Each structure stands twice: as C-alpha cells, then as structure tokens.
Amino acid sequence: MNSTTTAEAAQQETTLADQISSPAGSAAVSEAHPVEFPQASRARAAAALPLERFADVNIEISVEIGRVTMPIGELLQLGEGAVVELNRSVSEPVDVMAQGVRIASGEVVVIEDRFAVLITEIASAEESREKSVRGGSHDRFSSTRRSDH
C-alpha cells in the first residue's frame, strides 16, 4: 500500500507541474511584448483635473520662524529657561509652509490674542518645487549656539 501511495503522489506532482508550466492547459508558450502607452501631455492632464476639484481637501499650513542645528549632547542639556538661538534675524520674514513646502513669506502680527502672518510674498511654483526637491528652504545653516539666560 505504501508503494501505491508513493506512485499516486508522484503522479499528482507531475500533473501539478504540467499545469504550472502550461497555463490554461495549452502546451504553447505565449510570447511577451512590452506595453506601449500613449504620451500624456501636461496640458491635457491639467485640463482634466481643475483645481476646484481639490477645494475641500485640507492640508497642514505651518509658519517657520527659524531653525538651528545642534549636537545631540547640547540638545540633551536643554531645560526650562534655556534659550535656543535661531538662524533668522527678527527683521527677516518668516516662511509659510504647506505640507513642508514653502509657499509664501510674511511678517508675524498679533490679532487680538493670537499670532497671525501678514503675507508679503507668494513663492513661485518653480521656487517651491526646487526647494522641496533640495529638502527645504533652510538646508545650509551656520552653526548656532545655545545660550542660557
């Protein structure tokens, strides 16, 4: 009985191997060809997706007043009362960011009891694209030190 079971198992393996190697039961192998797609034009793509379509989509807007790069050791020494000096002077405009991409710059103002930004310049699409590819608008910092006051 053991030899019959082994013979049946070998027959099943052969049948399974035949099914895998010849799809749909045919012995002929199909020839593969690369897929060819028509060229998409930007004008046609832009016309098909008007911006109004995205009017209700929410994105995160943030305002960046400055940055600093410091060693982890210095970061770990920060505590209450520590002052971290940023790379931007008070007279420079702040960056308005949408999903991490600079879209404008402006001046910080106060309206009642809240901070706000008065937009003074809209970034060009080309400038925003270049800076997001490079990794942000502040990728070259001079080293800044931490002071305790």
Protein backbone atom coordinates (compact mmCIF):
# COMPACT_ATOMS: atom_id res chain seq x y z
CA MET A 1 0.00 0.00 0.00
CA ASN A 2 2.91 2.28 0.67
CA SER A 3 4.21 1.86 -2.91
CA THR A 4 0.75 2.73 -4.30
CA THR A 5 0.60 5.92 -2.23
CA THR A 6 4.08 6.96 -3.40
CA ALA A 7 3.13 6.32 -7.05
CA GLU A 8 -0.08 8.34 -6.67
CA ALA A 9 1.83 11.24 -5.07
CA ALA A 10 4.38 11.21 -7.91
CA GLN A 11 1.55 11.27 -10.47
CA GLN A 12 -0.11 14.25 -8.69
CA GLU A 13 3.21 16.17 -8.61
CA THR A 14 3.72 15.55 -12.34
CA THR A 15 0.17 16.73 -13.13
CA LEU A 16 0.62 19.86 -10.99
CA ALA A 17 3.97 20.64 -12.65
CA ASP A 18 2.34 20.27 -16.10
CA GLN A 19 -0.46 22.69 -15.12
CA ILE A 20 2.00 25.29 -13.85
CA SER A 21 4.29 25.11 -16.88
CA SER A 22 1.46 25.24 -19.43
CA PRO A 23 -1.16 27.84 -18.49
CA ALA A 24 -4.79 27.08 -19.36
CA GLY A 25 -3.82 23.57 -20.33
CA SER A 26 -2.04 24.56 -23.55
CA ALA A 27 1.45 23.40 -24.34
CA ALA A 28 2.29 26.53 -26.39
CA VAL A 29 4.22 29.32 -24.62
CA SER A 30 3.00 32.86 -25.27
CA GLU A 31 5.49 35.49 -26.38
CA ALA A 32 5.87 38.54 -24.11
CA HIS A 33 5.85 42.08 -25.52
CA PRO A 34 6.46 45.40 -23.74
CA VAL A 35 3.38 47.52 -23.11
CA GLU A 36 3.21 50.77 -25.04
CA PHE A 37 1.37 53.73 -23.53
CA PRO A 38 0.43 56.91 -25.43
CA GLN A 39 2.32 60.05 -24.41
CA ALA A 40 0.34 62.14 -21.91
CA SER A 41 0.52 65.87 -22.40
CA ARG A 42 0.61 68.19 -19.40
CA ALA A 43 -2.00 70.45 -20.96
CA ARG A 44 -4.48 67.61 -21.32
CA ALA A 45 -3.76 66.38 -17.76
CA ALA A 46 -4.23 69.89 -16.31
CA ALA A 47 -7.50 70.36 -18.19
CA ALA A 48 -8.81 67.04 -16.89
CA LEU A 49 -8.11 67.96 -13.23
CA PRO A 50 -9.27 71.51 -12.44
CA LEU A 51 -8.01 72.86 -9.11
CA GLU A 52 -11.58 73.44 -7.90
CA ARG A 53 -11.81 69.67 -7.57
CA PHE A 54 -9.47 69.87 -4.56
CA ALA A 55 -11.04 72.90 -2.85
CA ASP A 56 -12.31 70.88 0.12
CA VAL A 57 -9.05 68.96 0.72
CA ASN A 58 -7.36 70.02 3.97
CA ILE A 59 -3.59 70.45 4.16
CA GLU A 60 -1.41 71.48 7.07
CA ILE A 61 -0.09 75.05 6.99
CA SER A 62 2.74 75.98 9.33
CA VAL A 63 4.90 79.03 9.88
CA GLU A 64 8.61 78.62 10.42
CA ILE A 65 10.39 81.35 12.34
CA GLY A 66 13.82 79.73 12.10
CA ARG A 67 15.93 76.63 12.54
CA VAL A 68 19.08 75.55 14.30
CA THR A 69 21.35 72.53 14.09
CA MET A 70 22.96 71.36 17.31
CA PRO A 71 24.70 68.26 18.62
CA ILE A 72 22.52 65.77 20.49
CA GLY A 73 24.63 66.37 23.59
CA GLU A 74 23.64 70.05 23.60
CA LEU A 75 20.00 69.16 22.95
CA LEU A 76 20.00 66.85 25.96
CA GLN A 77 21.30 69.67 28.17
CA LEU A 78 18.36 71.96 27.36
CA GLY A 79 15.98 72.60 30.20
CA GLU A 80 13.45 75.13 31.38
CA GLY A 81 14.82 78.64 30.93
CA ALA A 82 17.28 77.66 28.19
CA VAL A 83 17.30 79.93 25.14
CA VAL A 84 17.86 78.46 21.69
CA GLU A 85 19.16 80.98 19.17
CA LEU A 86 17.70 80.51 15.66
CA ASN A 87 19.25 81.19 12.26
CA ARG A 88 16.89 84.03 11.34
CA SER A 89 17.05 87.65 12.43
CA VAL A 90 13.98 89.48 13.74
CA SER A 91 13.84 91.65 10.61
CA GLU A 92 13.66 88.69 8.20
CA PRO A 93 10.26 87.42 7.04
CA VAL A 94 9.00 84.04 8.26
CA ASP A 95 8.26 81.14 5.90
CA VAL A 96 4.71 79.94 5.35
CA MET A 97 4.78 76.22 4.61
CA ALA A 98 2.13 73.89 3.14
CA GLN A 99 2.88 70.22 3.82
CA GLY A 100 6.55 71.17 4.34
CA VAL A 101 6.88 73.17 1.11
CA ARG A 102 7.47 76.94 1.28
CA ILE A 103 4.54 78.69 -0.40
CA ALA A 104 4.94 82.24 0.92
CA SER A 105 6.76 84.52 3.33
CA GLY A 106 5.42 87.16 5.64
CA GLU A 107 5.55 89.11 8.88
CA VAL A 108 4.31 87.87 12.23
CA VAL A 109 1.45 90.00 13.56
CA VAL A 110 -0.91 89.70 16.53
CA ILE A 111 -4.69 89.75 16.09
CA GLU A 112 -6.44 90.02 19.44
CA ASP A 113 -4.69 87.28 21.45
CA ARG A 114 -3.44 85.13 18.54
CA PHE A 115 -0.41 85.11 16.28
CA ALA A 116 -1.02 85.54 12.56
CA VAL A 117 1.08 86.09 9.43
CA LEU A 118 0.72 89.00 7.06
CA ILE A 119 1.67 87.53 3.67
CA THR A 120 4.25 89.74 1.95
CA GLU A 121 5.38 87.43 -0.86
CA ILE A 122 3.97 84.37 -2.64
CA ALA A 123 6.65 81.87 -3.65
CA SER A 124 6.74 80.93 -7.32
CA ALA A 125 5.81 77.35 -8.18
CA GLU A 126 9.32 76.81 -9.57
CA GLU A 127 10.97 78.08 -6.36
CA SER A 128 8.74 75.87 -4.19
CA ARG A 129 9.45 72.82 -6.35
CA GLU A 130 13.23 73.40 -6.28
CA LYS A 131 13.32 73.84 -2.52
CA SER A 132 11.16 70.79 -1.83
CA VAL A 133 13.48 68.67 -4.02
CA ARG A 134 16.56 70.01 -2.19
CA GLY A 135 14.98 69.21 1.14
CA GLY A 136 13.64 72.52 2.34
CA SER A 137 14.44 76.18 2.22
CA HIS A 138 17.00 76.11 5.03
CA ASP A 139 19.39 73.32 4.18
CA ARG A 140 22.54 75.45 4.67
CA PHE A 141 22.84 76.72 8.23
CA SER A 142 25.68 78.33 10.00
CA SER A 143 26.23 76.67 13.33
CA THR A 144 24.33 78.45 16.06
CA ARG A 145 24.98 78.13 19.74
CA ARG A 146 22.64 77.73 22.67
CA SER A 147 22.72 80.37 25.38
CA ASP A 148 21.31 80.18 28.90
CA HIS A 149 19.79 83.45 30.10
